[in-house]
């Protein structure tokens, strides 16, 4: 039995679907099981990292766990510590953690720092472990959908990185292999797409899919911050994301071949993702 935490998230939902399609016994953990929409073969269980009393039932009979903590506060990776303690008690053998590529490149922003500490907890658990470090998710483009839909304009922040963006399905495909085959214990994999794309090129690909030109306009970080503040989306989390983006310009263009090496398939392209999600751009 494999437990997928974060089962309704972008990667978790794809992973649950793939494991179920392959006939692998899978249990999906979510805080709101009534909202889950999974194949009938999937066992859905209520569980919450912040409610340790929910974890023993979620982990009962589980051999491997896909670890997706909901976030990191100033107190550090408390959720991973809670899960590790419960996993050891339940007799779990292998933890596979979803992390971020910035850990391998020495990033110091709050999001990456949280993942770095979380990775160490997993490695110190005494259980077999594997770490997946994806770069920027293609779903990041959801943030531009509104203005692309209304104005055919993509407002990016000055200095936004050239990015080897990755499709969440590719991350899930790697996770499925790591969770169901041997030889991945003690391994860390950086995961990217197969091409490094500038914001300008990202806008061009969206425009090609729409059949209409998408204009890419650069703004300063202060202008981006002010715009999000007006929408009520500011605060420490946005500041942390902007700092991650600033630092990631130094490495986000790097391309890894881990997806193809592990799955045997070339990574999905940004055009693949845009075609699948074309409705969000109006």
Protein backbone atom coordinates (compact mmCIF):
# COMPACT_ATOMS: atom_id res chain seq x y z
CA UNK A 1 0.00 0.00 0.00
CA UNK A 2 1.25 3.47 -0.97
CA UNK A 3 0.00 6.57 0.84
CA UNK A 4 -0.11 9.78 -1.19
CA UNK A 5 -0.29 12.90 0.95
CA UNK A 6 -1.33 16.14 -0.71
CA UNK A 7 -3.50 13.85 -2.81
CA UNK A 8 -5.74 16.57 -4.26
CA UNK A 9 -2.82 18.83 -5.21
CA UNK A 10 -1.29 19.35 -8.63
CA UNK A 11 1.21 16.51 -8.34
CA UNK A 12 -0.65 14.31 -5.85
CA UNK A 13 -3.80 14.06 -7.97
CA UNK A 14 -1.77 13.07 -11.03
CA UNK A 15 0.17 10.51 -8.97
CA UNK A 16 -2.95 8.92 -7.49
CA UNK A 17 -4.45 8.59 -10.97
CA UNK A 18 -1.29 6.98 -12.39
CA UNK A 19 -0.90 4.50 -9.55
CA UNK A 20 -4.57 3.54 -9.76
CA UNK A 21 -4.33 3.06 -13.53
CA UNK A 22 -1.37 0.74 -12.99
CA UNK A 23 -3.31 -1.32 -10.46
CA UNK A 24 -1.12 -0.29 -7.52
CA UNK A 25 -2.87 -0.26 -4.12
CA UNK A 26 -3.03 3.43 -3.24
CA UNK A 27 -4.51 5.42 -0.38
CA UNK A 28 -5.14 9.13 -0.90
CA UNK A 29 -4.83 11.39 2.15
CA UNK A 30 -6.69 14.67 2.15
CA UNK A 31 -8.11 17.09 4.67
CA UNK A 32 -11.42 17.07 2.81
CA UNK A 33 -12.18 13.53 1.59
CA UNK A 34 -15.71 14.53 0.63
CA UNK A 35 -14.25 16.75 -2.10
CA UNK A 36 -11.96 14.06 -3.53
CA UNK A 37 -12.71 12.68 -6.98
CA UNK A 38 -10.63 9.56 -7.54
CA UNK A 39 -11.13 6.18 -9.27
CA UNK A 40 -13.19 3.73 -7.21
CA UNK A 41 -10.11 1.57 -6.57
CA UNK A 42 -8.50 4.39 -4.56
CA UNK A 43 -8.95 4.35 -0.81
CA UNK A 44 -9.58 7.90 0.39
CA UNK A 45 -8.76 8.76 4.00
CA UNK A 46 -9.05 11.94 6.06
CA UNK A 47 -5.67 13.09 7.33
CA UNK A 48 -3.96 16.30 8.34
CA UNK A 49 -0.29 16.90 9.11
CA UNK A 50 -1.40 19.39 11.77
CA UNK A 51 -3.61 16.79 13.49
CA UNK A 52 -1.25 13.97 14.50
CA UNK A 53 -4.16 11.90 15.78
CA UNK A 54 -5.36 11.44 12.16
CA UNK A 55 -2.10 9.92 10.91
CA UNK A 56 -2.08 6.39 12.46
CA UNK A 57 -5.22 5.40 10.54
CA UNK A 58 -3.89 6.93 7.33
CA UNK A 59 -0.58 5.05 7.70
CA UNK A 60 -1.94 1.67 8.80
CA UNK A 61 -0.57 -1.05 6.53
CA UNK A 62 1.35 1.46 4.40
CA UNK A 63 4.80 0.58 3.07
CA UNK A 64 5.72 3.76 1.17
CA UNK A 65 4.64 7.40 1.52
CA UNK A 66 4.72 10.32 -0.91
CA UNK A 67 5.39 13.30 1.35
CA UNK A 68 3.92 16.67 0.37
CA UNK A 69 3.76 19.06 3.35
CA UNK A 70 1.29 21.93 2.91
CA UNK A 71 3.87 24.61 3.74
CA UNK A 72 6.51 25.92 6.10
CA UNK A 73 6.07 28.49 8.84
CA UNK A 74 8.72 30.29 10.88
CA UNK A 75 8.86 27.29 13.22
CA UNK A 76 10.24 25.07 10.45
CA UNK A 77 9.17 21.68 9.06
CA UNK A 78 6.90 20.67 11.93
CA UNK A 79 4.62 18.73 9.60
CA UNK A 80 7.40 16.49 8.32
CA UNK A 81 8.56 15.85 11.88
CA UNK A 82 5.02 14.79 12.80
CA UNK A 83 4.75 12.51 9.78
CA UNK A 84 8.16 10.93 10.33
CA UNK A 85 7.29 10.04 13.92
CA UNK A 86 3.97 8.50 12.85
CA UNK A 87 5.57 6.66 9.91
CA UNK A 88 8.20 5.05 12.11
CA UNK A 89 5.50 3.96 14.55
CA UNK A 90 3.43 2.49 11.70
CA UNK A 91 6.31 0.49 10.22
CA UNK A 92 6.60 2.47 6.98
CA UNK A 93 9.70 1.51 4.96
CA UNK A 94 10.24 4.30 2.43
CA UNK A 95 9.53 8.06 2.32
CA UNK A 96 9.58 9.96 -0.99
CA UNK A 97 9.62 13.72 -0.43
CA UNK A 98 8.57 16.38 -2.91
CA UNK A 99 11.09 19.21 -2.47
CA UNK A 100 12.36 21.99 -4.76
CA UNK A 101 15.36 22.41 -7.05
CA UNK A 102 16.62 25.45 -5.17
CA UNK A 103 17.86 23.18 -2.36
CA UNK A 104 20.47 21.73 -4.68
CA UNK A 105 21.55 25.16 -5.89
CA UNK A 106 22.03 26.73 -2.47
CA UNK A 107 19.01 29.04 -2.48
CA UNK A 108 18.31 30.82 0.81
CA UNK A 109 14.74 32.08 0.29
CA UNK A 110 12.19 31.01 2.95
CA UNK A 111 10.42 28.42 0.77
CA UNK A 112 13.64 26.66 -0.21
CA UNK A 113 15.01 26.86 3.32
CA UNK A 114 11.89 25.12 4.60
CA UNK A 115 12.31 22.32 2.09
CA UNK A 116 16.00 21.98 2.95
CA UNK A 117 15.17 21.45 6.62
CA UNK A 118 12.36 19.09 5.65
CA UNK A 119 14.72 17.04 3.50
CA UNK A 120 17.09 16.66 6.43
CA UNK A 121 14.30 15.37 8.66
CA UNK A 122 13.40 12.76 6.05
CA UNK A 123 17.05 11.72 5.68
CA UNK A 124 17.45 11.47 9.45
CA UNK A 125 14.25 9.41 9.83
CA UNK A 126 16.00 6.06 9.86
CA UNK A 127 13.76 4.96 6.97
CA UNK A 128 14.65 4.55 3.31
CA UNK A 129 14.21 7.87 1.53
CA UNK A 130 14.21 9.50 -1.90
CA UNK A 131 14.05 13.23 -2.69
CA UNK A 132 12.44 14.78 -5.77
CA UNK A 133 13.51 18.36 -6.53
CA UNK A 134 11.43 19.84 -9.36
CA UNK A 135 12.02 23.29 -10.75
CA UNK A 136 9.26 25.73 -11.73
CA UNK A 137 5.89 24.08 -12.38
CA UNK A 138 4.13 24.95 -15.64
CA UNK A 139 1.03 25.67 -13.56
CA UNK A 140 2.83 28.86 -12.55
CA UNK A 141 1.31 30.30 -15.73
CA UNK A 142 -2.11 30.25 -14.07
CA UNK A 143 -0.98 33.52 -12.50
CA UNK A 144 -1.00 35.20 -15.93
CA UNK A 145 -4.29 33.73 -17.15
CA UNK A 146 -6.52 36.65 -16.17
CA UNK A 147 -4.68 39.38 -18.08
CA UNK A 148 -3.93 37.08 -21.01
CA UNK A 149 -7.63 36.33 -21.21
CA UNK A 150 -8.73 39.96 -20.92
CA UNK A 151 -5.89 41.85 -22.62
CA UNK A 152 -3.77 39.23 -24.39
CA UNK A 153 -0.97 40.61 -22.22
CA UNK A 154 1.36 38.77 -19.86
CA UNK A 155 2.78 41.02 -17.14
CA UNK A 156 6.04 39.55 -15.89
CA UNK A 157 8.45 40.81 -13.27
CA UNK A 158 11.76 42.33 -14.33
CA UNK A 159 14.46 39.69 -14.07
CA UNK A 160 12.05 36.73 -14.15
CA UNK A 161 14.20 33.69 -14.90
CA UNK A 162 14.63 31.67 -18.04
CA UNK A 163 13.03 28.45 -16.85
CA UNK A 164 13.13 24.75 -17.72
CA UNK A 165 9.52 24.49 -16.55
CA UNK A 166 8.09 21.06 -15.74
CA UNK A 167 4.63 19.56 -16.19
CA UNK A 168 3.20 18.24 -12.89
CA UNK A 169 2.36 14.97 -14.67
CA UNK A 170 6.07 14.37 -15.29
CA UNK A 171 6.80 14.84 -11.59
CA UNK A 172 4.04 12.35 -10.81
CA UNK A 173 5.42 9.87 -13.35
CA UNK A 174 8.83 10.01 -11.70
CA UNK A 175 7.25 9.65 -8.26
CA UNK A 176 5.28 6.60 -9.42
CA UNK A 177 8.49 4.89 -10.59
CA UNK A 178 10.38 5.78 -7.42
CA UNK A 179 7.53 4.49 -5.25
CA UNK A 180 7.07 1.21 -7.11
CA UNK A 181 10.56 0.14 -8.20
CA UNK A 182 13.79 -0.49 -6.32
CA UNK A 183 17.13 1.28 -6.66
CA UNK A 184 15.95 4.78 -5.74
CA UNK A 185 16.67 4.56 -2.03
CA UNK A 186 19.02 7.32 -0.87
CA UNK A 187 18.75 9.11 -4.21
CA UNK A 188 17.98 12.76 -4.95
CA UNK A 189 16.65 13.74 -8.36
CA UNK A 190 16.43 17.23 -9.88
CA UNK A 191 13.45 17.33 -12.24
CA UNK A 192 12.92 19.79 -15.11
CA UNK A 193 11.27 20.04 -18.47
CA UNK A 194 13.26 19.52 -21.63
CA UNK A 195 13.64 23.14 -22.74
CA UNK A 196 14.63 26.38 -21.03
CA UNK A 197 12.15 29.14 -21.89
CA UNK A 198 12.33 32.88 -21.33
CA UNK A 199 9.15 34.71 -20.26
CA UNK A 200 9.01 36.12 -23.80
CA UNK A 201 9.07 32.62 -25.29
CA UNK A 202 6.46 31.42 -22.81
CA UNK A 203 4.17 34.20 -24.00
CA UNK A 204 4.83 33.27 -27.62
CA UNK A 205 3.89 29.62 -26.98
CA UNK A 206 0.63 30.67 -25.33
CA UNK A 207 -0.08 33.01 -28.26
CA UNK A 208 0.64 30.25 -30.79
CA UNK A 209 -1.85 27.98 -29.03
CA UNK A 210 -4.47 30.76 -28.94
CA UNK A 211 -3.84 31.84 -32.51
CA UNK A 212 -3.39 35.40 -31.26
CA UNK A 213 -0.31 37.35 -30.24
CA UNK A 214 0.30 37.64 -26.49
CA UNK A 215 2.26 40.75 -25.50
CA UNK A 216 4.83 40.31 -22.72
CA UNK A 217 5.31 43.39 -20.52
CA UNK A 218 8.00 43.65 -17.85
CA UNK A 219 7.28 45.33 -14.50
CA UNK A 220 9.53 46.08 -11.57
CA UNK A 221 9.31 43.91 -8.46
CA UNK A 222 7.75 46.87 -6.64
CA UNK A 223 5.02 47.16 -9.30
CA UNK A 224 4.29 43.44 -9.02
CA UNK A 225 4.17 43.69 -5.24
CA UNK A 226 1.79 46.66 -5.40
CA UNK A 227 -0.49 44.88 -7.85
CA UNK A 228 -0.75 41.80 -5.65
CA UNK A 229 -1.28 43.97 -2.57
CA UNK A 230 -4.26 45.59 -4.31
CA UNK A 231 -5.69 42.13 -4.93
CA UNK A 232 -5.14 41.14 -1.32
CA UNK A 233 -2.54 38.54 -2.25
CA UNK A 234 0.48 40.23 -0.68
CA UNK A 235 2.22 39.49 2.57
CA UNK A 236 5.10 37.20 3.56
CA UNK A 237 4.15 34.37 1.20
CA UNK A 238 4.31 36.63 -1.87
CA UNK A 239 7.54 38.18 -0.64
CA UNK A 240 9.01 34.69 -0.27
CA UNK A 241 7.90 33.75 -3.79
CA UNK A 242 9.41 36.90 -5.30
CA UNK A 243 12.68 36.21 -3.50
CA UNK A 244 12.68 32.63 -4.79
CA UNK A 245 12.13 33.90 -8.33
CA UNK A 246 14.94 36.44 -7.92
CA UNK A 247 17.41 33.83 -6.75
CA UNK A 248 16.29 31.17 -9.22
CA UNK A 249 17.50 33.20 -12.21
CA UNK A 250 20.93 31.71 -11.49
CA UNK A 251 19.83 28.09 -12.00
CA UNK A 252 16.25 27.68 -13.25
CA UNK A 253 17.48 27.41 -16.85
CA UNK A 254 19.43 24.21 -16.10
CA UNK A 255 17.99 21.13 -17.79
CA UNK A 256 18.08 17.72 -16.11
CA UNK A 257 17.55 14.41 -17.91
CA UNK A 258 16.12 12.69 -14.80
CA UNK A 259 12.55 12.53 -16.12
CA UNK A 260 13.59 10.62 -19.23
CA UNK A 261 16.12 8.47 -17.39
CA UNK A 262 13.58 7.34 -14.79
CA UNK A 263 10.38 7.13 -16.84
CA UNK A 264 11.79 6.29 -20.27
CA UNK A 265 9.78 9.16 -21.76
CA UNK A 266 10.82 12.65 -22.81
CA UNK A 267 9.32 15.41 -20.64
CA UNK A 268 6.06 16.99 -21.73
CA UNK A 269 6.44 20.40 -23.37
CA UNK A 270 4.97 23.73 -22.37
CA UNK A 271 2.82 23.56 -25.50
CA UNK A 272 1.43 20.25 -24.19
CA UNK A 273 0.45 21.96 -20.95
CA UNK A 274 -1.00 25.05 -22.65
CA UNK A 275 -3.11 22.94 -25.03
CA UNK A 276 -4.49 20.98 -22.06
CA UNK A 277 -5.31 24.18 -20.17
CA UNK A 278 -6.19 26.53 -23.04
CA UNK A 279 -9.58 27.30 -21.44
CA UNK A 280 -7.94 29.34 -18.65
CA UNK A 281 -6.71 31.92 -21.14
CA UNK A 282 -10.19 32.83 -22.36
